[in-house]
């Protein structure tokens, strides 16, 4: 849906879920394309890629934005150690690149799963899938794992 309208969105929701939504209550509407890109290296010498320059994942769940903030948060102490303390941070930068690339790959897989779960399904398949997920999610250990995974903790 490249140019969404409230009516088109309501129809899409009804088609996929069987739920009718109030078109008049739609106050914000946007469309996005799904991308999944990951730089081969996040660090080359003292040059570091973070955020969308390093990794681009589907915007579902804010994972891309959160990854960028987490990249910056983890990079700041390394920069400080270099600029303020004069430390040689080559190893720390290399390790940063490995850790953050691994985190981005994990988030990209999660976003892909989220997008797959949001795809249209025949009503009978959707009903069966939702019932299965409901039962599995009722198990506390499973529920907690899913919650941690999808909140990137």
Protein backbone atom coordinates (compact mmCIF):
# COMPACT_ATOMS: atom_id res chain seq x y z
CA UNK A 1 0.00 0.00 0.00
CA UNK A 2 2.16 2.86 -1.31
CA UNK A 3 -0.39 5.65 -0.76
CA UNK A 4 -2.58 4.46 2.09
CA UNK A 5 -6.04 5.80 2.80
CA UNK A 6 -8.10 5.16 5.92
CA UNK A 7 -10.65 3.21 3.87
CA UNK A 8 -8.02 1.02 2.22
CA UNK A 9 -6.41 0.32 5.60
CA UNK A 10 -9.77 -0.59 7.14
CA UNK A 11 -10.47 -2.96 4.25
CA UNK A 12 -7.02 -4.56 4.60
CA UNK A 13 -7.58 -5.10 8.33
CA UNK A 14 -11.02 -6.57 7.69
CA UNK A 15 -9.66 -8.86 4.97
CA UNK A 16 -6.82 -10.13 7.14
CA UNK A 17 -8.50 -10.35 10.53
CA UNK A 18 -12.23 -10.16 10.00
CA UNK A 19 -12.35 -7.14 12.32
CA UNK A 20 -14.08 -3.93 11.25
CA UNK A 21 -12.34 -0.74 12.36
CA UNK A 22 -13.74 2.78 12.54
CA UNK A 23 -12.35 4.68 9.56
CA UNK A 24 -13.29 8.01 11.15
CA UNK A 25 -10.97 7.43 14.10
CA UNK A 26 -7.87 7.11 11.91
CA UNK A 27 -5.70 10.10 12.75
CA UNK A 28 -2.26 8.91 11.62
CA UNK A 29 -1.48 6.76 8.62
CA UNK A 30 1.77 5.86 6.92
CA UNK A 31 3.21 3.15 4.73
CA UNK A 32 6.71 1.74 4.67
CA UNK A 33 8.77 -0.63 2.62
CA UNK A 34 10.41 -3.60 4.24
CA UNK A 35 14.19 -3.74 4.03
CA UNK A 36 16.70 -6.11 5.50
CA UNK A 37 20.27 -4.99 4.96
CA UNK A 38 23.34 -5.61 7.07
CA UNK A 39 26.80 -4.18 6.42
CA UNK A 40 29.47 -6.86 6.13
CA UNK A 41 31.60 -4.92 8.60
CA UNK A 42 30.58 -2.24 11.07
CA UNK A 43 34.17 -1.21 11.82
CA UNK A 44 37.07 -0.53 9.46
CA UNK A 45 40.04 0.87 11.34
CA UNK A 46 38.67 3.81 13.28
CA UNK A 47 35.64 4.25 11.00
CA UNK A 48 32.44 2.94 12.55
CA UNK A 49 28.99 2.44 11.07
CA UNK A 50 26.00 2.61 13.40
CA UNK A 51 22.24 2.88 12.97
CA UNK A 52 20.77 2.60 9.49
CA UNK A 53 24.24 3.00 7.97
CA UNK A 54 25.17 -0.35 9.53
CA UNK A 55 21.87 -2.18 9.52
CA UNK A 56 18.44 -1.67 8.10
CA UNK A 57 15.58 -3.78 9.37
CA UNK A 58 11.84 -3.60 8.98
CA UNK A 59 10.49 -0.73 11.07
CA UNK A 60 8.04 -3.06 12.79
CA UNK A 61 8.41 -2.70 16.54
CA UNK A 62 10.96 0.13 16.33
CA UNK A 63 13.82 -2.36 16.19
CA UNK A 64 15.91 -0.35 13.73
CA UNK A 65 15.68 2.83 15.79
CA UNK A 66 16.41 0.96 19.01
CA UNK A 67 19.40 -0.76 17.42
CA UNK A 68 20.81 2.61 16.44
CA UNK A 69 20.44 3.96 19.98
CA UNK A 70 22.04 0.81 21.40
CA UNK A 71 24.91 1.12 18.91
CA UNK A 72 25.55 4.70 19.99
CA UNK A 73 25.24 3.87 23.70
CA UNK A 74 27.83 1.11 23.40
CA UNK A 75 30.15 3.19 21.21
CA UNK A 76 30.32 6.27 23.45
CA UNK A 77 32.60 4.75 26.14
CA UNK A 78 34.98 3.53 23.43
CA UNK A 79 35.18 6.98 21.88
CA UNK A 80 35.65 8.52 25.30
CA UNK A 81 38.48 6.12 26.11
CA UNK A 82 40.19 7.14 22.89
CA UNK A 83 39.64 10.90 23.05
CA UNK A 84 39.81 11.60 26.78
CA UNK A 85 42.10 8.86 28.05
CA UNK A 86 44.19 8.43 24.91
CA UNK A 87 43.69 4.67 24.90
CA UNK A 88 44.32 2.52 21.84
CA UNK A 89 40.80 1.27 21.22
CA UNK A 90 41.38 -0.87 18.13
CA UNK A 91 40.47 -4.12 19.87
CA UNK A 92 37.45 -2.56 21.54
CA UNK A 93 36.22 -1.23 18.20
CA UNK A 94 36.66 -4.62 16.54
CA UNK A 95 34.77 -6.35 19.37
CA UNK A 96 32.08 -3.65 19.18
CA UNK A 97 31.63 -4.39 15.47
CA UNK A 98 31.20 -8.11 16.11
CA UNK A 99 28.73 -7.61 19.00
CA UNK A 100 26.61 -5.02 17.25
CA UNK A 101 26.51 -6.96 13.97
CA UNK A 102 25.32 -10.02 15.90
CA UNK A 103 22.64 -7.90 17.63
CA UNK A 104 21.53 -6.44 14.30
CA UNK A 105 21.29 -9.89 12.70
CA UNK A 106 19.15 -11.08 15.62
CA UNK A 107 16.87 -8.04 15.35
CA UNK A 108 16.58 -8.52 11.58
CA UNK A 109 15.45 -12.13 12.12
CA UNK A 110 12.91 -10.99 14.73
CA UNK A 111 11.58 -8.28 12.42
CA UNK A 112 11.33 -10.83 9.60
CA UNK A 113 9.36 -13.14 11.87
CA UNK A 114 7.06 -10.27 12.90
CA UNK A 115 6.45 -9.42 9.26
CA UNK A 116 5.77 -13.07 8.43
CA UNK A 117 3.28 -13.29 11.28
CA UNK A 118 1.51 -10.20 9.92
CA UNK A 119 1.04 -11.55 6.42
CA UNK A 120 -2.45 -12.40 5.28
CA UNK A 121 -3.63 -15.96 5.87
CA UNK A 122 -6.84 -17.76 5.08
CA UNK A 123 -9.26 -17.29 7.97
CA UNK A 124 -9.15 -20.95 9.06
CA UNK A 125 -5.33 -20.96 9.13
CA UNK A 126 -5.24 -17.63 10.98
CA UNK A 127 -7.72 -18.90 13.58
CA UNK A 128 -5.74 -22.11 14.12
CA UNK A 129 -2.42 -20.23 14.32
CA UNK A 130 -3.78 -17.72 16.81
CA UNK A 131 -5.27 -20.47 18.97
CA UNK A 132 -1.93 -22.32 18.98
CA UNK A 133 0.02 -19.16 19.86
CA UNK A 134 -2.50 -18.39 22.60
CA UNK A 135 -2.01 -21.79 24.21
CA UNK A 136 1.78 -21.72 23.89
CA UNK A 137 1.96 -18.15 25.20
CA UNK A 138 -0.02 -19.19 28.29
CA UNK A 139 3.06 -21.12 29.48
CA UNK A 140 4.94 -18.62 31.71
CA UNK A 141 8.43 -19.58 30.53
CA UNK A 142 7.39 -19.27 26.88
CA UNK A 143 5.53 -16.01 27.54
CA UNK A 144 8.57 -14.50 29.30
CA UNK A 145 10.93 -15.60 26.52
CA UNK A 146 8.68 -14.13 23.85
CA UNK A 147 8.33 -10.89 25.81
CA UNK A 148 12.12 -10.56 26.24
CA UNK A 149 12.74 -11.39 22.60
CA UNK A 150 10.30 -8.90 21.16
CA UNK A 151 11.31 -6.11 23.52
CA UNK A 152 14.96 -6.74 22.61
CA UNK A 153 16.04 -7.48 26.17
